[in-house]
């Protein structure tokens, strides 16, 4: 595990995600297998832009472990979208695309359109959805081996037809995780997540329970910074309006 993390610079990626938490209250790290680097698969831990995500509004627990769904809206050049998702050339998603903006290096500008290149009106926005559903299973003891097996409803009905109606079972519900990609009104791909968990890991800051949003340290620093700005402005005004900038002289009393 340490070798895999060193190969993909996981520590640096997680540090960037914690920086996002400090600024905007949410950080995202994606854990996946990449077959572009190694045909046999290479583990990748990658920091993701937090403003590309929409998290389950009902999530309240730390790191959003109770979230039922995650959504990511990510722009791709048309040729890259065609390679990755098989999107036909000239397909019009019908969605409002971002327009190219002038460069802005003011504080916080990196979170306006994400980091890297500025948004291009020719980009295609791909929406990725990850969610889980409860699936009913039947836990049945195999008459031949005595081992407990989990059967779906269809498999359980088939087993009852073969073994008879006296087949005992315990019904449980487990989570099944899925992922889908969508462009405009067209669903590109729907697959099951094999690891039974989200590929995106959420790092959360502090929760505003009244508004249901997460926030970081920057929010708590707004009022102290305003106070400091007011103090500096007031001192500068006093210096500017006083005669000769204000003179402090010691008074000498003569008897």
Protein backbone atom coordinates (compact mmCIF):
# COMPACT_ATOMS: atom_id res chain seq x y z
CA UNK A 1 0.00 0.00 0.00
CA UNK A 2 2.83 2.43 0.79
CA UNK A 3 4.48 1.65 -2.56
CA UNK A 4 1.22 2.37 -4.44
CA UNK A 5 0.78 5.66 -2.58
CA UNK A 6 4.37 6.70 -3.34
CA UNK A 7 3.95 5.90 -7.03
CA UNK A 8 0.90 8.17 -7.42
CA UNK A 9 2.05 10.93 -4.98
CA UNK A 10 -0.99 10.30 -2.78
CA UNK A 11 0.37 12.43 0.08
CA UNK A 12 0.62 15.53 -2.14
CA UNK A 13 -2.85 14.97 -3.56
CA UNK A 14 -4.36 14.61 -0.08
CA UNK A 15 -2.56 17.79 1.05
CA UNK A 16 -4.21 19.69 -1.80
CA UNK A 17 -7.58 18.25 -0.77
CA UNK A 18 -7.05 19.42 2.83
CA UNK A 19 -6.23 22.88 1.45
CA UNK A 20 -9.63 22.84 -0.27
CA UNK A 21 -11.26 21.97 3.05
CA UNK A 22 -9.62 24.98 4.71
CA UNK A 23 -10.82 27.29 1.95
CA UNK A 24 -14.32 26.08 1.06
CA UNK A 25 -15.13 23.35 3.59
CA UNK A 26 -15.10 20.36 1.22
CA UNK A 27 -12.29 18.35 -0.32
CA UNK A 28 -12.50 15.40 -2.70
CA UNK A 29 -10.01 12.62 -3.45
CA UNK A 30 -10.63 9.99 -6.09
CA UNK A 31 -9.25 6.46 -5.61
CA UNK A 32 -9.32 4.36 -8.77
CA UNK A 33 -7.42 2.00 -11.03
CA UNK A 34 -5.88 3.53 -14.14
CA UNK A 35 -5.20 1.33 -17.16
CA UNK A 36 -3.83 4.23 -19.24
CA UNK A 37 -0.56 4.14 -17.30
CA UNK A 38 -0.21 0.39 -16.82
CA UNK A 39 -2.17 -2.24 -18.82
CA UNK A 40 -2.34 -4.36 -15.67
CA UNK A 41 -3.77 -1.44 -13.70
CA UNK A 42 -2.12 1.19 -11.53
CA UNK A 43 -3.58 2.60 -8.33
CA UNK A 44 -4.31 6.33 -8.50
CA UNK A 45 -5.16 8.76 -5.69
CA UNK A 46 -6.08 12.10 -7.23
CA UNK A 47 -7.34 15.38 -5.82
CA UNK A 48 -10.49 16.72 -7.53
CA UNK A 49 -11.84 20.24 -7.85
CA UNK A 50 -14.49 20.62 -5.09
CA UNK A 51 -16.59 23.03 -7.16
CA UNK A 52 -17.26 20.30 -9.70
CA UNK A 53 -19.25 18.27 -7.16
CA UNK A 54 -22.76 18.23 -5.78
CA UNK A 55 -23.12 16.24 -2.58
CA UNK A 56 -26.24 14.70 -1.06
CA UNK A 57 -28.04 17.52 0.75
CA UNK A 58 -29.17 15.11 3.47
CA UNK A 59 -25.59 14.16 4.44
CA UNK A 60 -24.80 15.28 7.98
CA UNK A 61 -22.11 12.94 9.31
CA UNK A 62 -18.36 13.75 9.13
CA UNK A 63 -16.77 13.09 5.73
CA UNK A 64 -20.30 12.61 4.37
CA UNK A 65 -20.24 8.88 5.08
CA UNK A 66 -24.05 8.90 5.13
CA UNK A 67 -24.35 10.42 1.63
CA UNK A 68 -26.49 8.38 -0.73
CA UNK A 69 -25.36 10.06 -3.95
CA UNK A 70 -22.57 12.18 -5.44
CA UNK A 71 -22.60 14.18 -8.66
CA UNK A 72 -19.63 15.56 -10.58
CA UNK A 73 -19.91 17.94 -13.54
CA UNK A 74 -16.65 18.07 -15.45
CA UNK A 75 -15.87 19.78 -18.78
CA UNK A 76 -14.00 17.81 -21.45
CA UNK A 77 -12.74 18.82 -24.89
CA UNK A 78 -14.90 17.24 -27.56
CA UNK A 79 -12.15 14.96 -28.87
CA UNK A 80 -11.34 13.71 -25.36
CA UNK A 81 -15.03 13.10 -24.63
CA UNK A 82 -15.26 11.08 -27.84
CA UNK A 83 -12.27 8.93 -26.82
CA UNK A 84 -13.36 8.30 -23.23
CA UNK A 85 -17.13 8.05 -23.54
CA UNK A 86 -17.75 7.31 -27.22
CA UNK A 87 -19.58 10.59 -27.72
CA UNK A 88 -20.39 11.13 -31.39
CA UNK A 89 -18.71 13.98 -33.21
CA UNK A 90 -20.94 17.04 -33.40
CA UNK A 91 -23.26 15.92 -30.59
CA UNK A 92 -25.08 18.88 -29.04
CA UNK A 93 -25.71 18.29 -25.35
CA UNK A 94 -28.15 21.19 -25.14
CA UNK A 95 -26.57 22.27 -21.86
CA UNK A 96 -25.26 25.73 -21.16
CA UNK A 97 -21.50 25.59 -21.52
CA UNK A 98 -18.98 27.83 -19.79
CA UNK A 99 -17.41 30.66 -21.78
CA UNK A 100 -13.75 31.58 -21.91
CA UNK A 101 -12.87 34.29 -19.39
CA UNK A 102 -9.88 36.61 -18.96
CA UNK A 103 -7.11 35.57 -16.62
CA UNK A 104 -7.69 36.54 -12.99
CA UNK A 105 -5.05 35.98 -10.31
CA UNK A 106 -6.94 37.59 -7.43
CA UNK A 107 -7.30 35.55 -4.21
CA UNK A 108 -9.93 32.86 -4.63
CA UNK A 109 -9.96 33.08 -8.42
CA UNK A 110 -8.62 29.53 -8.64
CA UNK A 111 -11.99 28.31 -7.34
CA UNK A 112 -14.04 30.18 -9.94
CA UNK A 113 -13.64 27.83 -12.89
CA UNK A 114 -11.35 25.21 -11.39
CA UNK A 115 -7.61 25.06 -11.75
CA UNK A 116 -5.64 24.76 -14.97
CA UNK A 117 -6.88 26.05 -18.31
CA UNK A 118 -9.74 28.50 -18.49
CA UNK A 119 -13.13 27.12 -19.44
CA UNK A 120 -13.81 26.85 -23.15
CA UNK A 121 -17.22 27.25 -24.73
CA UNK A 122 -16.37 24.30 -27.01
CA UNK A 123 -15.98 21.93 -24.04
CA UNK A 124 -18.56 19.25 -23.34
CA UNK A 125 -19.84 18.91 -19.77
CA UNK A 126 -19.99 15.27 -18.64
CA UNK A 127 -22.05 14.57 -15.53
CA UNK A 128 -20.99 11.61 -13.41
CA UNK A 129 -23.41 10.16 -10.90
CA UNK A 130 -22.55 7.71 -8.14
CA UNK A 131 -25.22 6.32 -5.85
CA UNK A 132 -26.25 3.26 -3.88
CA UNK A 133 -29.49 1.31 -3.69
CA UNK A 134 -30.73 -1.25 -1.19
CA UNK A 135 -31.04 -4.72 -2.69
CA UNK A 136 -32.92 -7.52 -0.98
CA UNK A 137 -31.04 -10.79 -0.55
CA UNK A 138 -31.90 -14.15 1.01
CA UNK A 139 -29.35 -15.91 3.20
CA UNK A 140 -29.85 -19.65 2.71
CA UNK A 141 -27.93 -22.66 4.00
CA UNK A 142 -26.76 -24.85 1.12
CA UNK A 143 -28.18 -28.37 1.76
CA UNK A 144 -25.09 -30.02 0.29
CA UNK A 145 -22.25 -28.00 1.82
CA UNK A 146 -23.96 -26.41 4.80
CA UNK A 147 -22.44 -23.05 3.87
CA UNK A 148 -24.49 -19.83 4.04
CA UNK A 149 -25.10 -18.35 0.60
CA UNK A 150 -26.68 -15.05 -0.43
CA UNK A 151 -29.27 -15.32 -3.20
CA UNK A 152 -31.16 -12.65 -5.09
CA UNK A 153 -34.95 -12.82 -5.25
CA UNK A 154 -34.88 -14.55 -8.65
CA UNK A 155 -32.27 -17.07 -7.50
CA UNK A 156 -34.22 -17.75 -4.30
CA UNK A 157 -37.46 -18.38 -6.22
CA UNK A 158 -35.61 -20.78 -8.51
CA UNK A 159 -34.10 -22.62 -5.54
CA UNK A 160 -37.53 -23.02 -3.93
CA UNK A 161 -38.87 -24.59 -7.12
CA UNK A 162 -36.04 -27.13 -7.12
CA UNK A 163 -35.68 -27.87 -3.40
CA UNK A 164 -39.26 -27.38 -2.32
CA UNK A 165 -41.27 -24.85 -0.35
CA UNK A 166 -39.67 -25.78 2.99
CA UNK A 167 -36.49 -23.81 2.19
CA UNK A 168 -35.73 -21.53 5.13
CA UNK A 169 -34.04 -18.17 4.62
CA UNK A 170 -33.27 -14.88 6.33
CA UNK A 171 -34.02 -11.73 4.33
CA UNK A 172 -31.48 -8.89 4.46
CA UNK A 173 -30.91 -5.66 2.56
CA UNK A 174 -27.42 -4.60 1.45
CA UNK A 175 -26.06 -1.65 -0.47
CA UNK A 176 -25.23 -1.92 -4.17
CA UNK A 177 -23.17 0.92 -5.63
CA UNK A 178 -23.57 2.19 -9.21
CA UNK A 179 -22.07 4.81 -11.49
CA UNK A 180 -23.49 6.54 -14.57
CA UNK A 181 -22.19 9.11 -17.06
CA UNK A 182 -24.50 11.55 -18.78
CA UNK A 183 -24.12 14.31 -21.35
CA UNK A 184 -27.15 16.54 -21.78
CA UNK A 185 -30.11 14.16 -22.06
CA UNK A 186 -28.02 11.21 -23.25
CA UNK A 187 -26.92 8.48 -20.83
CA UNK A 188 -23.48 7.32 -21.94
CA UNK A 189 -22.71 4.50 -19.50
CA UNK A 190 -24.17 2.77 -16.44
CA UNK A 191 -22.01 0.31 -14.48
CA UNK A 192 -21.83 -1.23 -11.03
CA UNK A 193 -18.96 -0.25 -8.73
CA UNK A 194 -17.13 -3.48 -7.89
CA UNK A 195 -15.65 -2.33 -4.56
CA UNK A 196 -19.09 -1.55 -3.08
CA UNK A 197 -18.15 2.03 -2.21
CA UNK A 198 -17.83 5.44 -3.85
CA UNK A 199 -14.62 6.06 -5.78
CA UNK A 200 -14.69 9.64 -4.45
CA UNK A 201 -13.75 10.18 -0.81
CA UNK A 202 -15.08 13.33 0.82
CA UNK A 203 -13.20 15.39 3.41
CA UNK A 204 -15.49 17.77 5.27
CA UNK A 205 -14.90 20.83 7.42
CA UNK A 206 -17.45 22.19 9.90
CA UNK A 207 -21.18 21.83 9.26
CA UNK A 208 -23.60 24.74 9.40
CA UNK A 209 -26.63 22.82 10.59
CA UNK A 210 -29.06 25.69 9.91
CA UNK A 211 -28.11 26.03 6.24
CA UNK A 212 -26.89 22.48 5.70
CA UNK A 213 -23.55 23.51 4.17
CA UNK A 214 -19.94 22.75 5.05
CA UNK A 215 -17.41 25.53 5.59
CA UNK A 216 -13.72 25.90 6.37
CA UNK A 217 -11.42 28.20 8.29
CA UNK A 218 -11.84 31.12 5.87
CA UNK A 219 -15.42 31.72 6.99
CA UNK A 220 -14.32 32.14 10.61
CA UNK A 221 -11.58 34.58 9.55
CA UNK A 222 -13.89 37.00 7.73
CA UNK A 223 -14.96 39.06 10.76
CA UNK A 224 -11.44 39.35 12.29
CA UNK A 225 -10.11 40.48 8.91
CA UNK A 226 -12.85 43.11 8.63
CA UNK A 227 -11.94 44.40 12.09
CA UNK A 228 -8.26 44.61 11.14
CA UNK A 229 -9.10 46.43 7.89
CA UNK A 230 -11.22 48.93 9.81
CA UNK A 231 -8.45 49.56 12.33
CA UNK A 232 -5.85 50.17 9.64
CA UNK A 233 -8.21 52.50 7.75
CA UNK A 234 -9.02 54.45 10.89
CA UNK A 235 -5.35 54.88 11.85
CA UNK A 236 -4.52 56.02 8.33
CA UNK A 237 -7.36 58.55 8.40
CA UNK A 238 -6.20 59.97 11.75
CA UNK A 239 -2.67 60.41 10.41
CA UNK A 240 -3.93 62.09 7.22
CA UNK A 241 -6.27 64.57 8.92
CA UNK A 242 -4.04 65.67 11.81
CA UNK A 243 -1.88 68.76 11.39
CA UNK A 244 1.70 67.81 10.46
CA UNK A 245 0.71 64.21 10.90
CA UNK A 246 0.23 64.75 14.62
CA UNK A 247 3.00 65.85 16.99
CA UNK A 248 3.53 64.38 20.41
CA UNK A 249 5.45 66.76 22.66
CA UNK A 250 6.27 66.59 26.33
CA UNK A 251 4.88 69.44 28.41
CA UNK A 252 7.35 71.25 30.67
CA UNK A 253 5.91 72.93 33.73
CA UNK A 254 7.76 75.99 35.12
CA UNK A 255 7.42 76.80 38.81
